Amino acid sequence: MTEAERINYIIEHFEGGNAADFARKIGKSAPAVSKLRKGQYRFLSYVDVIAKAYPTINCRWLLTGYGEPEAPETSRSSMKTRLDRLTDAVDAVIERLESMRVD
């Protein structure tokens, strides 16, 4: 995946295709983002601001295109799995407390 493709992926998947929102989020102008998408600006000079603006981005993916776009510990599926486990644990505690309850 090229640098431009990674930028486009972020715009599509995190900003719903709105490049102006992406530009605002990284603190750059819309024309600067347009030039970045066309390869006219150095991608590496934007990596830091993109990583700060999108903390769930996998930095290895952002830099190289390898791996998953979202950091493994923050991907939606990972978060859902963790939330499901937490919900199960809370349910188990509630069941234990209810079974100990004296009327």
C-alpha atoms as a PDB file:
ATOM      1  CA  MET A   1       0.000   0.000   0.000  1.00  0.00           C
ATOM      2  CA  THR A   2       1.448   3.339  -1.017  1.00  0.00           C
ATOM      3  CA  GLU A   3       1.644   6.398   1.206  1.00  0.00           C
ATOM      4  CA  ALA A   4      -1.200   8.036  -0.729  1.00  0.00           C
ATOM      5  CA  GLU A   5      -3.311   4.898  -0.344  1.00  0.00           C
ATOM      6  CA  ARG A   6      -2.716   4.934   3.415  1.00  0.00           C
ATOM      7  CA  ILE A   7      -3.767   8.587   3.631  1.00  0.00           C
ATOM      8  CA  ASN A   8      -6.857   7.804   1.561  1.00  0.00           C
ATOM      9  CA  TYR A   9      -7.622   4.823   3.800  1.00  0.00           C
ATOM     10  CA  ILE A  10      -7.519   7.031   6.897  1.00  0.00           C
ATOM     11  CA  ILE A  11      -9.745   9.624   5.255  1.00  0.00           C
ATOM     12  CA  GLU A  12     -12.251   6.990   4.146  1.00  0.00           C
ATOM     13  CA  HIS A  13     -12.338   4.846   7.275  1.00  0.00           C
ATOM     14  CA  PHE A  14     -11.851   7.413  10.020  1.00  0.00           C
ATOM     15  CA  GLU A  15     -13.397  10.523   8.488  1.00  0.00           C
ATOM     16  CA  GLY A  16     -16.071   9.028   6.246  1.00  0.00           C
ATOM     17  CA  GLY A  17     -14.324  10.303   3.134  1.00  0.00           C
ATOM     18  CA  ASN A  18     -14.167  13.905   4.297  1.00  0.00           C
ATOM     19  CA  ALA A  19     -10.663  15.186   3.538  1.00  0.00           C
ATOM     20  CA  ALA A  20     -11.444  18.573   5.112  1.00  0.00           C
ATOM     21  CA  ASP A  21     -12.152  16.846   8.450  1.00  0.00           C
ATOM     22  CA  PHE A  22      -8.872  14.970   8.131  1.00  0.00           C
ATOM     23  CA  ALA A  23      -7.047  18.245   7.423  1.00  0.00           C
ATOM     24  CA  ARG A  24      -8.603  19.911  10.480  1.00  0.00           C
ATOM     25  CA  LYS A  25      -7.815  16.934  12.669  1.00  0.00           C
ATOM     26  CA  ILE A  26      -4.125  16.962  11.761  1.00  0.00           C
ATOM     27  CA  GLY A  27      -3.960  20.760  11.862  1.00  0.00           C
ATOM     28  CA  LYS A  28      -3.151  21.263   8.186  1.00  0.00           C
ATOM     29  CA  SER A  29      -4.898  23.043   5.338  1.00  0.00           C
ATOM     30  CA  ALA A  30      -7.087  21.237   2.820  1.00  0.00           C
ATOM     31  CA  PRO A  31      -4.708  22.198  -0.044  1.00  0.00           C
ATOM     32  CA  ALA A  32      -1.770  20.740   1.914  1.00  0.00           C
ATOM     33  CA  VAL A  33      -3.659  17.465   2.384  1.00  0.00           C
ATOM     34  CA  SER A  34      -4.523  17.429  -1.307  1.00  0.00           C
ATOM     35  CA  LYS A  35      -0.836  17.808  -2.196  1.00  0.00           C
ATOM     36  CA  LEU A  36       0.064  15.125   0.346  1.00  0.00           C
ATOM     37  CA  ARG A  37      -2.427  12.756  -1.269  1.00  0.00           C
ATOM     38  CA  LYS A  38      -0.846  13.445  -4.674  1.00  0.00           C
ATOM     39  CA  GLY A  39       2.660  12.772  -3.355  1.00  0.00           C
ATOM     40  CA  GLN A  40       3.726  16.403  -3.733  1.00  0.00           C
ATOM     41  CA  TYR A  41       4.552  16.766  -0.018  1.00  0.00           C
ATOM     42  CA  ARG A  42       6.896  14.577   1.992  1.00  0.00           C
ATOM     43  CA  PHE A  43       4.799  11.953   3.727  1.00  0.00           C
ATOM     44  CA  LEU A  44       7.322  11.481   6.537  1.00  0.00           C
ATOM     45  CA  SER A  45       6.880  15.076   7.657  1.00  0.00           C
ATOM     46  CA  TYR A  46       3.205  14.312   8.339  1.00  0.00           C
ATOM     47  CA  VAL A  47       3.531  10.957  10.099  1.00  0.00           C
ATOM     48  CA  ASP A  48       3.925  12.465  13.575  1.00  0.00           C
ATOM     49  CA  VAL A  49       0.848  14.700  13.357  1.00  0.00           C
ATOM     50  CA  ILE A  50      -1.238  11.878  11.872  1.00  0.00           C
ATOM     51  CA  ALA A  51      -0.181   9.457  14.627  1.00  0.00           C
ATOM     52  CA  LYS A  52      -1.050  12.044  17.302  1.00  0.00           C
ATOM     53  CA  ALA A  53      -4.418  12.857  15.719  1.00  0.00           C
ATOM     54  CA  TYR A  54      -5.320   9.171  15.314  1.00  0.00           C
ATOM     55  CA  PRO A  55      -4.071   7.341  18.403  1.00  0.00           C
ATOM     56  CA  THR A  56      -5.601   4.032  17.286  1.00  0.00           C
ATOM     57  CA  ILE A  57      -3.510   3.984  14.101  1.00  0.00           C
ATOM     58  CA  ASN A  58      -0.887   1.270  13.919  1.00  0.00           C
ATOM     59  CA  CYS A  59       2.303   3.315  13.438  1.00  0.00           C
ATOM     60  CA  ARG A  60       4.068   0.440  11.683  1.00  0.00           C
ATOM     61  CA  TRP A  61       1.241   0.346   9.133  1.00  0.00           C
ATOM     62  CA  LEU A  62       1.287   4.123   8.780  1.00  0.00           C
ATOM     63  CA  LEU A  63       5.022   4.139   8.048  1.00  0.00           C
ATOM     64  CA  THR A  64       5.334   1.001   5.952  1.00  0.00           C
ATOM     65  CA  GLY A  65       1.896  -0.180   4.849  1.00  0.00           C
ATOM     66  CA  TYR A  66       2.472  -3.546   6.530  1.00  0.00           C
ATOM     67  CA  GLY A  67       0.152  -4.957   9.165  1.00  0.00           C
ATOM     68  CA  GLU A  68      -3.291  -3.780  10.109  1.00  0.00           C
ATOM     69  CA  PRO A  69      -4.307  -0.091   9.991  1.00  0.00           C
ATOM     70  CA  GLU A  70      -5.436  -0.090  13.604  1.00  0.00           C
ATOM     71  CA  ALA A  71      -3.124  -1.036  16.439  1.00  0.00           C
ATOM     72  CA  PRO A  72      -4.024  -4.564  17.591  1.00  0.00           C
ATOM     73  CA  GLU A  73      -4.908  -3.519  21.117  1.00  0.00           C
ATOM     74  CA  THR A  74      -7.276  -0.826  19.854  1.00  0.00           C
ATOM     75  CA  SER A  75      -8.930  -2.506  16.895  1.00  0.00           C
ATOM     76  CA  ARG A  76     -12.698  -2.697  17.091  1.00  0.00           C
ATOM     77  CA  SER A  77     -12.744  -6.494  17.200  1.00  0.00           C
ATOM     78  CA  SER A  78     -10.139  -6.541  19.957  1.00  0.00           C
ATOM     79  CA  MET A  79     -12.034  -3.937  21.956  1.00  0.00           C
ATOM     80  CA  LYS A  80     -15.289  -5.871  21.485  1.00  0.00           C
ATOM     81  CA  THR A  81     -13.644  -9.068  22.707  1.00  0.00           C
ATOM     82  CA  ARG A  82     -12.283  -7.274  25.770  1.00  0.00           C
ATOM     83  CA  LEU A  83     -15.668  -5.668  26.435  1.00  0.00           C
ATOM     84  CA  ASP A  84     -17.435  -9.029  26.112  1.00  0.00           C
ATOM     85  CA  ARG A  85     -15.029 -10.591  28.633  1.00  0.00           C
ATOM     86  CA  LEU A  86     -15.528  -7.706  31.037  1.00  0.00           C
ATOM     87  CA  THR A  87     -19.312  -7.942  30.701  1.00  0.00           C
ATOM     88  CA  ASP A  88     -19.170 -11.688  31.416  1.00  0.00           C
ATOM     89  CA  ALA A  89     -17.048 -11.067  34.519  1.00  0.00           C
ATOM     90  CA  VAL A  90     -19.451  -8.398  35.794  1.00  0.00           C
ATOM     91  CA  ASP A  91     -22.424 -10.706  35.184  1.00  0.00           C
ATOM     92  CA  ALA A  92     -20.702 -13.469  37.158  1.00  0.00           C
ATOM     93  CA  VAL A  93     -20.075 -11.132  40.099  1.00  0.00           C
ATOM     94  CA  ILE A  94     -23.702  -9.983  40.060  1.00  0.00           C
ATOM     95  CA  GLU A  95     -24.907 -13.594  40.029  1.00  0.00           C
ATOM     96  CA  ARG A  96     -22.681 -14.432  43.009  1.00  0.00           C
ATOM     97  CA  LEU A  97     -23.893 -11.408  44.936  1.00  0.00           C
ATOM     98  CA  GLU A  98     -27.522 -12.234  44.189  1.00  0.00           C
ATOM     99  CA  SER A  99     -27.031 -15.833  45.331  1.00  0.00           C
ATOM    100  CA  MET A 100     -25.585 -14.578  48.627  1.00  0.00           C
ATOM    101  CA  ARG A 101     -28.434 -12.150  49.164  1.00  0.00           C
ATOM    102  CA  VAL A 102     -30.580 -12.822  52.181  1.00  0.00           C
ATOM    103  CA  ASP A 103     -34.180 -11.714  52.020  1.00  0.00           C
END
